[in-house]
Amino acid sequence: MKRLNQTSKIKEIAIKYIKRNSKEFILTSLIFIIGLFIGVMFINNCSEDKSNLILEYINRFSDEFKRIEQIDKRTLFVNSIKSNIILTIALWFAGTTIIGMPVVLGIILYRGFCLGTTISAISMAWGIKKGLLFCFTTLFLKNIFFIPAIVTMGVSSIKMYKSVISDRRKENIKIQIISHTIISLIMLIILVFSSFLENTISIDLLNVFIIN
């Protein structure tokens, strides 16, 4: 019962936070979607030479992946965590400075762009049916946690920016930094979990897709 009550409280807090910052969530989500769309369009409008290079790279990756007898999941997991820690620190640091707001939005746009290029490139190399199926079963598992986490950090940054601009008292700035830090740490935990999914289930699924 206690766990159920705690879970319901967490859900209630999350829902209230989203409702209070609905405009910020819409803005950051739109920026991510724009980045995703730009990434897809970038790959789809590549010249024939660049398209061939992309196909060659993906095919070479597939061949090398098939030759690997045992994947070092531990190393991949550690590298993924390091990458997410760097991402969190970058978003946190940029979010604590007024001039860093464009950096925060730029990072979110770039991550959307990266996902868009990945989906489009894989669909180009493996065909739309297999490519989209692969993206849904592998990339979806990670990004179902990854995307909300970076969007939430973006919202936290915007919220802090607005609060500091309207009230520049040291007490308010201190409170906003603490709040932004706590949210960033919670999102880092979620990103670590996304790394766990990526390096367990997603890699096994990748192995199935490449072999077949």
N, C-alpha and C. Protein backbone atom coordinates (compact mmCIF):
# COMPACT_ATOMS: atom_id res chain seq x y z
N MET A 1 0.82 -1.22 0.00
CA MET A 1 0.00 0.00 0.00
C MET A 1 0.86 1.27 0.00
N LYS A 2 1.96 1.24 0.80
CA LYS A 2 2.82 2.41 0.87
C LYS A 2 3.43 2.73 -0.48
N ARG A 3 3.86 1.68 -1.20
CA ARG A 3 4.46 1.89 -2.53
C ARG A 3 3.43 2.47 -3.49
N LEU A 4 2.20 1.98 -3.40
CA LEU A 4 1.15 2.49 -4.27
C LEU A 4 0.87 3.96 -3.97
N ASN A 5 0.86 4.29 -2.69
CA ASN A 5 0.63 5.68 -2.28
C ASN A 5 1.76 6.59 -2.75
N GLN A 6 3.00 6.08 -2.63
CA GLN A 6 4.15 6.87 -3.08
C GLN A 6 4.12 7.08 -4.58
N THR A 7 3.76 6.01 -5.32
CA THR A 7 3.67 6.10 -6.78
C THR A 7 2.60 7.10 -7.20
N SER A 8 1.45 7.06 -6.52
CA SER A 8 0.36 7.98 -6.85
C SER A 8 0.74 9.43 -6.54
N LYS A 9 1.52 9.63 -5.45
CA LYS A 9 1.98 10.97 -5.11
C LYS A 9 2.95 11.50 -6.15
N ILE A 10 3.85 10.63 -6.59
CA ILE A 10 4.82 11.02 -7.63
C ILE A 10 4.09 11.40 -8.91
N LYS A 11 3.10 10.60 -9.30
CA LYS A 11 2.31 10.90 -10.49
C LYS A 11 1.58 12.23 -10.35
N GLU A 12 1.04 12.46 -9.15
CA GLU A 12 0.30 13.69 -8.90
C GLU A 12 1.21 14.91 -9.00
N ILE A 13 2.41 14.79 -8.43
CA ILE A 13 3.39 15.88 -8.49
C ILE A 13 3.81 16.15 -9.93
N ALA A 14 4.05 15.07 -10.70
CA ALA A 14 4.47 15.20 -12.09
C ALA A 14 3.38 15.87 -12.93
N ILE A 15 2.14 15.44 -12.72
CA ILE A 15 1.01 16.02 -13.47
C ILE A 15 0.86 17.51 -13.16
N LYS A 16 0.98 17.85 -11.88
CA LYS A 16 0.87 19.27 -11.49
C LYS A 16 1.99 20.10 -12.11
N TYR A 17 3.20 19.52 -12.13
CA TYR A 17 4.35 20.24 -12.70
C TYR A 17 4.14 20.49 -14.18
N ILE A 18 3.62 19.47 -14.88
CA ILE A 18 3.36 19.61 -16.32
C ILE A 18 2.28 20.65 -16.59
N LYS A 19 1.22 20.62 -15.77
CA LYS A 19 0.13 21.58 -15.95
C LYS A 19 0.59 23.01 -15.69
N ARG A 20 1.41 23.19 -14.66
CA ARG A 20 1.89 24.54 -14.32
C ARG A 20 2.83 25.10 -15.39
N ASN A 21 3.50 24.20 -16.08
CA ASN A 21 4.48 24.62 -17.09
C ASN A 21 4.12 24.09 -18.48
N SER A 22 2.83 24.06 -18.76
CA SER A 22 2.35 23.48 -20.03
C SER A 22 2.90 24.23 -21.25
N LYS A 23 2.97 25.57 -21.16
CA LYS A 23 3.49 26.35 -22.30
C LYS A 23 4.95 26.02 -22.57
N GLU A 24 5.72 25.87 -21.52
CA GLU A 24 7.15 25.55 -21.66
C GLU A 24 7.33 24.14 -22.23
N PHE A 25 6.48 23.22 -21.79
CA PHE A 25 6.56 21.85 -22.31
C PHE A 25 6.21 21.81 -23.80
N ILE A 26 5.20 22.59 -24.18
CA ILE A 26 4.81 22.65 -25.59
C ILE A 26 5.95 23.23 -26.42
N LEU A 27 6.57 24.31 -25.91
CA LEU A 27 7.67 24.95 -26.64
C LEU A 27 8.85 24.01 -26.84
N THR A 28 9.32 23.39 -25.76
CA THR A 28 10.48 22.51 -25.87
C THR A 28 10.18 21.27 -26.70
N SER A 29 8.96 20.76 -26.59
CA SER A 29 8.56 19.59 -27.40
C SER A 29 8.54 19.95 -28.88
N LEU A 30 8.02 21.14 -29.20
CA LEU A 30 7.99 21.60 -30.59
C LEU A 30 9.40 21.76 -31.15
N ILE A 31 10.31 22.29 -30.33
CA ILE A 31 11.70 22.46 -30.76
C ILE A 31 12.33 21.10 -31.07
N PHE A 32 12.05 20.11 -30.21
CA PHE A 32 12.57 18.76 -30.47
C PHE A 32 11.98 18.19 -31.75
N ILE A 33 10.68 18.36 -31.94
CA ILE A 33 10.01 17.84 -33.14
C ILE A 33 10.53 18.53 -34.40
N ILE A 34 10.79 19.83 -34.30
CA ILE A 34 11.36 20.56 -35.44
C ILE A 34 12.73 19.99 -35.80
N GLY A 35 13.54 19.73 -34.75
CA GLY A 35 14.85 19.13 -34.99
C GLY A 35 14.73 17.76 -35.64
N LEU A 36 13.75 16.98 -35.17
CA LEU A 36 13.49 15.66 -35.75
C LEU A 36 13.12 15.77 -37.21
N PHE A 37 12.24 16.70 -37.52
CA PHE A 37 11.79 16.91 -38.91
C PHE A 37 12.94 17.37 -39.80
N ILE A 38 13.77 18.28 -39.28
CA ILE A 38 14.92 18.76 -40.05
C ILE A 38 15.88 17.61 -40.34
N GLY A 39 16.08 16.72 -39.34
CA GLY A 39 16.96 15.57 -39.53
C GLY A 39 16.47 14.63 -40.62
N VAL A 40 15.16 14.37 -40.60
CA VAL A 40 14.56 13.50 -41.63
C VAL A 40 14.71 14.13 -43.01
N MET A 41 14.39 15.42 -43.11
CA MET A 41 14.48 16.12 -44.39
C MET A 41 15.92 16.21 -44.88
N PHE A 42 16.86 16.37 -43.96
CA PHE A 42 18.27 16.46 -44.32
C PHE A 42 18.74 15.19 -45.03
N ILE A 43 18.37 14.03 -44.46
CA ILE A 43 18.76 12.76 -45.08
C ILE A 43 18.02 12.53 -46.39
N ASN A 44 16.72 12.82 -46.40
CA ASN A 44 15.91 12.58 -47.60
C ASN A 44 16.31 13.46 -48.78
N ASN A 45 16.92 14.61 -48.49
CA ASN A 45 17.31 15.52 -49.56
C ASN A 45 18.81 15.52 -49.83
N CYS A 46 19.48 14.49 -49.35
CA CYS A 46 20.91 14.36 -49.61
C CYS A 46 21.15 14.06 -51.09
N SER A 47 22.30 14.45 -51.57
CA SER A 47 22.67 14.12 -52.95
C SER A 47 22.91 12.62 -53.06
N GLU A 48 22.97 12.13 -54.28
CA GLU A 48 23.17 10.70 -54.50
C GLU A 48 24.49 10.22 -53.89
N ASP A 49 25.53 11.03 -54.02
CA ASP A 49 26.84 10.66 -53.47
C ASP A 49 26.78 10.52 -51.95
N LYS A 50 26.14 11.48 -51.28
CA LYS A 50 26.02 11.42 -49.83
C LYS A 50 25.15 10.26 -49.39
N SER A 51 24.09 9.98 -50.16
CA SER A 51 23.22 8.85 -49.85
C SER A 51 23.98 7.54 -49.93
N ASN A 52 24.83 7.43 -50.94
CA ASN A 52 25.64 6.23 -51.09
C ASN A 52 26.63 6.07 -49.93
N LEU A 53 27.16 7.19 -49.47
CA LEU A 53 28.09 7.15 -48.33
C LEU A 53 27.37 6.69 -47.06
N ILE A 54 26.14 7.16 -46.89
CA ILE A 54 25.34 6.75 -45.73
C ILE A 54 25.03 5.26 -45.79
N LEU A 55 24.63 4.79 -46.96
CA LEU A 55 24.34 3.37 -47.13
C LEU A 55 25.58 2.52 -46.89
N GLU A 56 26.71 3.00 -47.40
CA GLU A 56 27.97 2.28 -47.22
C GLU A 56 28.35 2.19 -45.74
N TYR A 57 28.15 3.30 -45.02
CA TYR A 57 28.48 3.34 -43.59
C TYR A 57 27.61 2.36 -42.80
N ILE A 58 26.31 2.37 -43.06
CA ILE A 58 25.39 1.49 -42.33
C ILE A 58 25.67 0.03 -42.65
N ASN A 59 25.92 -0.28 -43.91
CA ASN A 59 26.23 -1.65 -44.31
C ASN A 59 27.55 -2.12 -43.69
N ARG A 60 28.53 -1.21 -43.64
CA ARG A 60 29.82 -1.56 -43.03
C ARG A 60 29.65 -1.80 -41.53
N PHE A 61 28.82 -0.98 -40.90
CA PHE A 61 28.54 -1.16 -39.47
C PHE A 61 27.86 -2.51 -39.24
N SER A 62 26.91 -2.86 -40.11
CA SER A 62 26.20 -4.14 -39.98
C SER A 62 27.16 -5.31 -40.11
N ASP A 63 28.08 -5.24 -41.08
CA ASP A 63 29.05 -6.31 -41.29
C ASP A 63 29.99 -6.46 -40.10
N GLU A 64 30.44 -5.33 -39.57
CA GLU A 64 31.34 -5.37 -38.41
C GLU A 64 30.61 -5.89 -37.18
N PHE A 65 29.35 -5.52 -37.04
CA PHE A 65 28.55 -5.97 -35.90
C PHE A 65 28.36 -7.49 -35.94
N LYS A 66 28.16 -8.02 -37.14
CA LYS A 66 27.98 -9.47 -37.29
C LYS A 66 29.23 -10.24 -36.92
N ARG A 67 30.40 -9.64 -37.15
CA ARG A 67 31.66 -10.33 -36.88
C ARG A 67 32.03 -10.32 -35.39
N ILE A 68 31.38 -9.49 -34.62
CA ILE A 68 31.68 -9.43 -33.19
C ILE A 68 31.07 -10.64 -32.49
N GLU A 69 31.92 -11.44 -31.87
CA GLU A 69 31.45 -12.66 -31.21
C GLU A 69 30.70 -12.34 -29.92
N GLN A 70 31.21 -11.39 -29.14
CA GLN A 70 30.56 -11.03 -27.89
C GLN A 70 30.67 -9.52 -27.68
N ILE A 71 29.54 -8.88 -27.52
CA ILE A 71 29.51 -7.43 -27.34
C ILE A 71 29.86 -7.07 -25.90
N ASP A 72 30.73 -6.12 -25.75
CA ASP A 72 31.11 -5.65 -24.42
C ASP A 72 30.05 -4.65 -23.93
N LYS A 73 28.97 -5.19 -23.39
CA LYS A 73 27.85 -4.35 -22.95
C LYS A 73 28.24 -3.44 -21.80
N ARG A 74 29.17 -3.90 -20.97
CA ARG A 74 29.58 -3.09 -19.82
C ARG A 74 30.23 -1.79 -20.28
N THR A 75 31.13 -1.90 -21.27
CA THR A 75 31.80 -0.71 -21.80
C THR A 75 30.81 0.22 -22.47
N LEU A 76 29.89 -0.35 -23.24
CA LEU A 76 28.87 0.46 -23.91
C LEU A 76 27.98 1.16 -22.90
N PHE A 77 27.66 0.45 -21.82
CA PHE A 77 26.81 1.03 -20.77
C PHE A 77 27.51 2.19 -20.07
N VAL A 78 28.78 1.99 -19.76
CA VAL A 78 29.56 3.05 -19.11
C VAL A 78 29.69 4.28 -20.01
N ASN A 79 29.96 4.04 -21.30
CA ASN A 79 30.09 5.15 -22.26
C ASN A 79 28.77 5.90 -22.41
N SER A 80 27.68 5.15 -22.41
CA SER A 80 26.36 5.77 -22.54
C SER A 80 26.05 6.63 -21.31
N ILE A 81 26.40 6.13 -20.13
CA ILE A 81 26.17 6.89 -18.90
C ILE A 81 27.02 8.16 -18.91
N LYS A 82 28.29 8.04 -19.32
CA LYS A 82 29.16 9.21 -19.40
C LYS A 82 28.58 10.26 -20.33
N SER A 83 28.07 9.81 -21.47
CA SER A 83 27.47 10.73 -22.44
C SER A 83 26.26 11.45 -21.84
N ASN A 84 25.44 10.70 -21.10
CA ASN A 84 24.25 11.30 -20.48
C ASN A 84 24.61 12.24 -19.34
N ILE A 85 25.68 11.93 -18.63
CA ILE A 85 26.14 12.83 -17.56
C ILE A 85 26.61 14.15 -18.15
N ILE A 86 27.39 14.06 -19.24
CA ILE A 86 27.87 15.27 -19.91
C ILE A 86 26.70 16.10 -20.44
N LEU A 87 25.71 15.41 -21.01
CA LEU A 87 24.52 16.09 -21.52
C LEU A 87 23.77 16.81 -20.39
N THR A 88 23.61 16.11 -19.26
CA THR A 88 22.91 16.69 -18.12
C THR A 88 23.64 17.90 -17.57
N ILE A 89 24.97 17.79 -17.44
CA ILE A 89 25.77 18.91 -16.94
C ILE A 89 25.68 20.11 -17.88
N ALA A 90 25.72 19.84 -19.19
CA ALA A 90 25.62 20.92 -20.17
C ALA A 90 24.28 21.64 -20.07
N LEU A 91 23.19 20.86 -19.97
CA LEU A 91 21.86 21.45 -19.85
C LEU A 91 21.69 22.17 -18.52
N TRP A 92 22.24 21.58 -17.46
CA TRP A 92 22.14 22.23 -16.14
C TRP A 92 22.91 23.55 -16.11
N PHE A 93 24.14 23.51 -16.59
CA PHE A 93 24.99 24.70 -16.54
C PHE A 93 24.41 25.81 -17.41
N ALA A 94 24.01 25.46 -18.64
CA ALA A 94 23.44 26.47 -19.54
C ALA A 94 22.14 27.02 -18.97
N GLY A 95 21.39 26.16 -18.26
CA GLY A 95 20.12 26.58 -17.69
C GLY A 95 20.26 27.51 -16.50
N THR A 96 21.44 27.53 -15.88
CA THR A 96 21.65 28.40 -14.71
C THR A 96 22.13 29.79 -15.11
N THR A 97 22.36 30.00 -16.40
CA THR A 97 22.80 31.31 -16.88
C THR A 97 21.77 31.88 -17.84
N ILE A 98 21.56 33.16 -17.78
CA ILE A 98 20.57 33.82 -18.65
C ILE A 98 20.96 33.69 -20.12
N ILE A 99 22.26 33.87 -20.40
CA ILE A 99 22.71 33.80 -21.80
C ILE A 99 22.78 32.37 -22.31
N GLY A 100 22.60 31.40 -21.41
CA GLY A 100 22.70 29.99 -21.81
C GLY A 100 21.41 29.41 -22.35
N MET A 101 20.32 30.18 -22.29
CA MET A 101 19.04 29.67 -22.75
C MET A 101 19.05 29.22 -24.22
N PRO A 102 19.65 29.98 -25.15
CA PRO A 102 19.74 29.51 -26.54
C PRO A 102 20.51 28.20 -26.65
N VAL A 103 21.48 28.01 -25.77
CA VAL A 103 22.27 26.76 -25.78
C VAL A 103 21.38 25.58 -25.40
N VAL A 104 20.55 25.77 -24.38
CA VAL A 104 19.62 24.71 -23.95
C VAL A 104 18.69 24.31 -25.09
N LEU A 105 18.08 25.30 -25.71
CA LEU A 105 17.15 25.04 -26.81
C LEU A 105 17.89 24.45 -28.01
N GLY A 106 19.14 24.90 -28.21
CA GLY A 106 19.95 24.37 -29.31
C GLY A 106 20.28 22.90 -29.11
N ILE A 107 20.57 22.51 -27.86
CA ILE A 107 20.87 21.11 -27.56
C ILE A 107 19.65 20.23 -27.82
N ILE A 108 18.48 20.70 -27.39
CA ILE A 108 17.25 19.95 -27.61
C ILE A 108 16.96 19.81 -29.11
N LEU A 109 17.16 20.91 -29.85
CA LEU A 109 16.97 20.87 -31.31
C LEU A 109 17.94 19.88 -31.95
N TYR A 110 19.19 19.89 -31.49
CA TYR A 110 20.22 19.01 -32.04
C TYR A 110 19.90 17.54 -31.76
N ARG A 111 19.42 17.24 -30.55
CA ARG A 111 19.09 15.84 -30.22
C ARG A 111 17.93 15.35 -31.08
N GLY A 112 16.97 16.23 -31.36
CA GLY A 112 15.89 15.87 -32.27
C GLY A 112 16.42 15.63 -33.67
N PHE A 113 17.36 16.48 -34.10
CA PHE A 113 17.98 16.33 -35.41
C PHE A 113 18.71 14.98 -35.53
N CYS A 114 19.44 14.62 -34.48
CA CYS A 114 20.18 13.35 -34.49
C CYS A 114 19.23 12.16 -34.61
N LEU A 115 18.13 12.20 -33.87
CA LEU A 115 17.16 11.11 -33.94
C LEU A 115 16.52 11.05 -35.32
N GLY A 116 16.22 12.21 -35.89
CA GLY A 116 15.62 12.25 -37.22
C GLY A 116 16.53 11.69 -38.29
N THR A 117 17.81 12.05 -38.23
CA THR A 117 18.76 11.53 -39.22
C THR A 117 18.95 10.02 -39.05
N THR A 118 18.94 9.55 -37.81
CA THR A 118 19.10 8.10 -37.56
C THR A 118 17.94 7.32 -38.14
N ILE A 119 16.72 7.76 -37.86
CA ILE A 119 15.53 7.07 -38.36
C ILE A 119 15.50 7.08 -39.88
N SER A 120 15.79 8.22 -40.48
CA SER A 120 15.74 8.35 -41.93
C SER A 120 16.83 7.53 -42.60
N ALA A 121 18.05 7.54 -42.04
CA ALA A 121 19.17 6.81 -42.62
C ALA A 121 18.94 5.30 -42.56
N ILE A 122 18.43 4.81 -41.44
CA ILE A 122 18.17 3.38 -41.29
C ILE A 122 17.05 2.95 -42.23
N SER A 123 16.02 3.78 -42.35
CA SER A 123 14.92 3.46 -43.27
C SER A 123 15.40 3.44 -44.71
N MET A 124 16.36 4.31 -45.04
CA MET A 124 16.93 4.34 -46.38
C MET A 124 17.74 3.08 -46.66
N ALA A 125 18.49 2.63 -45.66
CA ALA A 125 19.38 1.48 -45.86
C ALA A 125 18.64 0.15 -45.81
N TRP A 126 17.68 0.02 -44.92
CA TRP A 126 17.01 -1.27 -44.71
C TRP A 126 15.60 -1.33 -45.28
N GLY A 127 15.15 -0.24 -45.87
CA GLY A 127 13.79 -0.20 -46.36
C GLY A 127 12.87 0.38 -45.30
N ILE A 128 11.78 0.97 -45.74
CA ILE A 128 10.88 1.67 -44.82
C ILE A 128 10.27 0.71 -43.79
N LYS A 129 9.81 -0.46 -44.23
CA LYS A 129 9.14 -1.39 -43.32
C LYS A 129 10.08 -1.88 -42.23
N LYS A 130 11.23 -2.45 -42.64
CA LYS A 130 12.18 -2.97 -41.67
C LYS A 130 12.83 -1.85 -40.87
N GLY A 131 13.11 -0.74 -41.54
CA GLY A 131 13.76 0.38 -40.86
C GLY A 131 12.89 0.97 -39.76
N LEU A 132 11.61 1.21 -40.07
CA LEU A 132 10.70 1.77 -39.07
C LEU A 132 10.43 0.78 -37.95
N LEU A 133 10.35 -0.50 -38.31
CA LEU A 133 10.14 -1.54 -37.29
C LEU A 133 11.33 -1.58 -36.33
N PHE A 134 12.53 -1.48 -36.92
CA PHE A 134 13.75 -1.45 -36.10
C PHE A 134 13.74 -0.23 -35.18
N CYS A 135 13.43 0.93 -35.73
CA CYS A 135 13.44 2.16 -34.94
C CYS A 135 12.41 2.11 -33.81
N PHE A 136 11.25 1.52 -34.11
CA PHE A 136 10.19 1.45 -33.11
C PHE A 136 10.57 0.51 -31.97
N THR A 137 11.19 -0.63 -32.30
CA THR A 137 11.48 -1.63 -31.28
C THR A 137 12.77 -1.33 -30.51
N THR A 138 13.72 -0.64 -31.12
CA THR A 138 15.00 -0.39 -30.45
C THR A 138 15.14 1.04 -29.95
N LEU A 139 15.00 2.01 -30.86
CA LEU A 139 15.15 3.40 -30.47
C LEU A 139 14.02 3.85 -29.54
N PHE A 140 12.85 3.28 -29.72
CA PHE A 140 11.70 3.67 -28.92
C PHE A 140 11.92 3.40 -27.44
N LEU A 141 12.54 2.23 -27.13
CA LEU A 141 12.75 1.84 -25.74
C LEU A 141 13.59 2.86 -24.98
N LYS A 142 14.64 3.35 -25.64
CA LYS A 142 15.49 4.34 -25.00
C LYS A 142 14.82 5.71 -24.97
N ASN A 143 14.28 6.11 -26.10
CA ASN A 143 13.79 7.48 -26.23
C ASN A 143 12.47 7.74 -25.52
N ILE A 144 11.76 6.69 -25.13
CA ILE A 144 10.54 6.89 -24.37
C ILE A 144 10.85 7.51 -23.01
N PHE A 145 12.10 7.34 -22.55
CA PHE A 145 12.55 7.98 -21.31
C PHE A 145 13.50 9.13 -21.60
N PHE A 146 14.32 8.99 -22.65
CA PHE A 146 15.33 9.99 -22.97
C PHE A 146 14.70 11.33 -23.37
N ILE A 147 13.74 11.29 -24.28
CA ILE A 147 13.12 12.52 -24.78
C ILE A 147 12.41 13.31 -23.68
N PRO A 148 11.53 12.68 -22.87
CA PRO A 148 10.89 13.43 -21.79
C PRO A 148 11.89 14.02 -20.80
N ALA A 149 13.01 13.30 -20.58
CA ALA A 149 14.02 13.78 -19.62
C ALA A 149 14.67 15.07 -20.09
N ILE A 150 15.11 15.12 -21.36
CA ILE A 150 15.79 16.33 -21.83
C ILE A 150 14.79 17.47 -22.04
N VAL A 151 13.56 17.12 -22.40
CA VAL A 151 12.52 18.14 -22.53
C VAL A 151 12.23 18.77 -21.17
N THR A 152 12.14 17.93 -20.13
CA THR A 152 11.89 18.42 -18.78
C THR A 152 13.02 19.31 -18.29
N MET A 153 14.27 18.94 -18.60
CA MET A 153 15.40 19.79 -18.22
C MET A 153 15.33 21.13 -18.96
N GLY A 154 14.87 21.08 -20.19
CA GLY A 154 14.69 22.32 -20.94
C GLY A 154 13.62 23.20 -20.32
N VAL A 155 12.53 22.58 -19.88
CA VAL A 155 11.45 23.30 -19.21
C VAL A 155 11.95 23.91 -17.91
N SER A 156 12.73 23.15 -17.16
CA SER A 156 13.29 23.64 -15.90
C SER A 156 14.19 24.86 -16.14
N SER A 157 14.95 24.82 -17.23
CA SER A 157 15.83 25.93 -17.58
C SER A 157 15.02 27.18 -17.92
N ILE A 158 13.97 27.01 -18.71
CA ILE A 158 13.11 28.13 -19.10
C ILE A 158 12.42 28.72 -17.87
N LYS A 159 11.95 27.84 -16.99
CA LYS A 159 11.28 28.27 -15.77
C LYS A 159 12.22 29.10 -14.89
N MET A 160 13.46 28.63 -14.77
CA MET A 160 14.44 29.36 -13.97
C MET A 160 14.75 30.72 -14.61
N TYR A 161 14.90 30.71 -15.93
CA TYR A 161 15.19 31.95 -16.66
C TYR A 161 14.11 33.00 -16.42
N LYS A 162 12.84 32.60 -16.55
CA LYS A 162 11.72 33.52 -16.35
C LYS A 162 11.66 34.04 -14.92
N SER A 163 11.91 33.12 -13.97
CA SER A 163 11.85 33.50 -12.57
C SER A 163 12.95 34.50 -12.19
N VAL A 164 14.16 34.25 -12.69
CA VAL A 164 15.29 35.13 -12.38
C VAL A 164 15.11 36.50 -13.02
N ILE A 165 14.56 36.52 -14.25
CA ILE A 165 14.33 37.78 -14.94
C ILE A 165 13.30 38.64 -14.18
N SER A 166 12.27 37.99 -13.65
CA SER A 166 11.20 38.72 -12.95
C SER A 166 11.56 39.07 -11.51
N ASP A 167 12.47 38.28 -10.91
CA ASP A 167 12.84 38.52 -9.51
C ASP A 167 14.33 38.19 -9.33
N ARG A 168 15.17 39.22 -9.29
CA ARG A 168 16.62 39.01 -9.25
C ARG A 168 17.19 39.04 -7.84
N ARG A 169 16.35 38.84 -6.85
CA ARG A 169 16.86 38.76 -5.49
C ARG A 169 17.70 37.48 -5.32
N LYS A 170 18.74 37.57 -4.51
CA LYS A 170 19.64 36.44 -4.29
C LYS A 170 18.89 35.22 -3.74
N GLU A 171 17.91 35.47 -2.87
CA GLU A 171 17.15 34.38 -2.28
C GLU A 171 16.38 33.60 -3.35
N ASN A 172 15.76 34.34 -4.25
CA ASN A 172 15.00 33.69 -5.33
C ASN A 172 15.93 32.93 -6.27
N ILE A 173 17.07 33.54 -6.63
CA ILE A 173 18.02 32.87 -7.53
C ILE A 173 18.53 31.58 -6.90
N LYS A 174 18.81 31.62 -5.59
CA LYS A 174 19.29 30.44 -4.88
C LYS A 174 18.25 29.33 -4.91
N ILE A 175 16.99 29.70 -4.65
CA ILE A 175 15.90 28.71 -4.66
C ILE A 175 15.74 28.08 -6.04
N GLN A 176 15.81 28.91 -7.09
CA GLN A 176 15.64 28.43 -8.46
C GLN A 176 16.79 27.51 -8.88
N ILE A 177 18.00 27.84 -8.46
CA ILE A 177 19.15 26.98 -8.78
C ILE A 177 19.02 25.62 -8.10
N ILE A 178 18.59 25.63 -6.83
CA ILE A 178 18.39 24.37 -6.11
C ILE A 178 17.32 23.53 -6.78
N SER A 179 16.20 24.18 -7.14
CA SER A 179 15.10 23.48 -7.81
C SER A 179 15.56 22.90 -9.15
N HIS A 180 16.28 23.71 -9.92
CA HIS A 180 16.79 23.27 -11.23
C HIS A 180 17.77 22.11 -11.07
N THR A 181 18.58 22.15 -10.03
CA THR A 181 19.55 21.09 -9.77
C THR A 181 18.86 19.78 -9.40
N ILE A 182 17.85 19.87 -8.55
CA ILE A 182 17.11 18.66 -8.14
C ILE A 182 16.43 18.00 -9.33
N ILE A 183 15.78 18.82 -10.16
CA ILE A 183 15.11 18.29 -11.35
C ILE A 183 16.12 17.65 -12.30
N SER A 184 17.27 18.30 -12.47
CA SER A 184 18.32 17.78 -13.36
C SER A 184 18.84 16.43 -12.85
N LEU A 185 19.00 16.29 -11.54
CA LEU A 185 19.47 15.04 -10.96
C LEU A 185 18.44 13.92 -11.14
N ILE A 186 17.17 14.26 -10.98
CA ILE A 186 16.11 13.27 -11.20
C ILE A 186 16.09 12.83 -12.67
N MET A 187 16.24 13.79 -13.57
CA MET A 187 16.26 13.46 -15.00
C MET A 187 17.50 12.65 -15.37
N LEU A 188 18.62 12.89 -14.67
CA LEU A 188 19.83 12.10 -14.90
C LEU A 188 19.59 10.64 -14.55
N ILE A 189 18.87 10.40 -13.46
CA ILE A 189 18.53 9.03 -13.08
C ILE A 189 17.71 8.36 -14.18
N ILE A 190 16.77 9.11 -14.75
CA ILE A 190 15.95 8.59 -15.85
C ILE A 190 16.81 8.31 -17.08
N LEU A 191 17.78 9.19 -17.35
CA LEU A 191 18.68 8.98 -18.49
C LEU A 191 19.56 7.75 -18.29
N VAL A 192 19.98 7.51 -17.05
CA VAL A 192 20.76 6.31 -16.75
C VAL A 192 19.91 5.07 -17.01
N PHE A 193 18.64 5.14 -16.65
CA PHE A 193 17.74 4.02 -16.91
C PHE A 193 17.56 3.80 -18.41
N SER A 194 17.52 4.90 -19.17
CA SER A 194 17.41 4.77 -20.63
C SER A 194 18.67 4.12 -21.20
N SER A 195 19.82 4.40 -20.59
CA SER A 195 21.08 3.77 -21.00
C SER A 195 21.04 2.28 -20.72
N PHE A 196 20.43 1.91 -19.60
CA PHE A 196 20.30 0.50 -19.24
C PHE A 196 19.45 -0.24 -20.27
N LEU A 197 18.34 0.36 -20.68
CA LEU A 197 17.49 -0.25 -21.70
C LEU A 197 18.22 -0.36 -23.03
N GLU A 198 18.96 0.70 -23.36
CA GLU A 198 19.69 0.73 -24.62
C GLU A 198 20.73 -0.38 -24.69
N ASN A 199 21.39 -0.65 -23.57
CA ASN A 199 22.50 -1.60 -23.57
C ASN A 199 22.11 -3.01 -23.12
N THR A 200 20.83 -3.26 -22.96
CA THR A 200 20.37 -4.62 -22.66
C THR A 200 19.42 -5.08 -23.76
N ILE A 201 18.19 -4.60 -23.69
CA ILE A 201 17.17 -5.04 -24.65
C ILE A 201 17.46 -4.54 -26.06
N SER A 202 17.81 -3.25 -26.20
CA SER A 202 17.98 -2.66 -27.52
C SER A 202 19.11 -3.32 -28.30
N ILE A 203 20.23 -3.63 -27.64
CA ILE A 203 21.36 -4.25 -28.33
C ILE A 203 21.00 -5.65 -28.78
N ASP A 204 20.26 -6.39 -27.95
CA ASP A 204 19.83 -7.73 -28.34
C ASP A 204 18.90 -7.66 -29.55
N LEU A 205 18.01 -6.68 -29.56
CA LEU A 205 17.12 -6.51 -30.71
C LEU A 205 17.89 -6.10 -31.95
N LEU A 206 18.91 -5.25 -31.76
CA LEU A 206 19.76 -4.84 -32.88
C LEU A 206 20.44 -6.05 -33.49
N ASN A 207 20.89 -6.96 -32.64
CA ASN A 207 21.54 -8.18 -33.10
C ASN A 207 20.58 -9.02 -33.95
N VAL A 208 19.33 -9.11 -33.52
CA VAL A 208 18.32 -9.87 -34.26
C VAL A 208 18.06 -9.26 -35.64
N PHE A 209 17.94 -7.91 -35.71
CA PHE A 209 17.66 -7.23 -36.95
C PHE A 209 18.81 -7.37 -37.94
N ILE A 210 20.04 -7.23 -37.45
CA ILE A 210 21.20 -7.27 -38.34
C ILE A 210 21.45 -8.66 -38.88
N ILE A 211 21.31 -9.66 -38.02
CA ILE A 211 21.53 -11.05 -38.44
C ILE A 211 20.47 -11.48 -39.44
N ASN A 212 19.23 -11.04 -39.20
CA ASN A 212 18.14 -11.42 -40.10
C ASN A 212 18.03 -10.48 -41.30
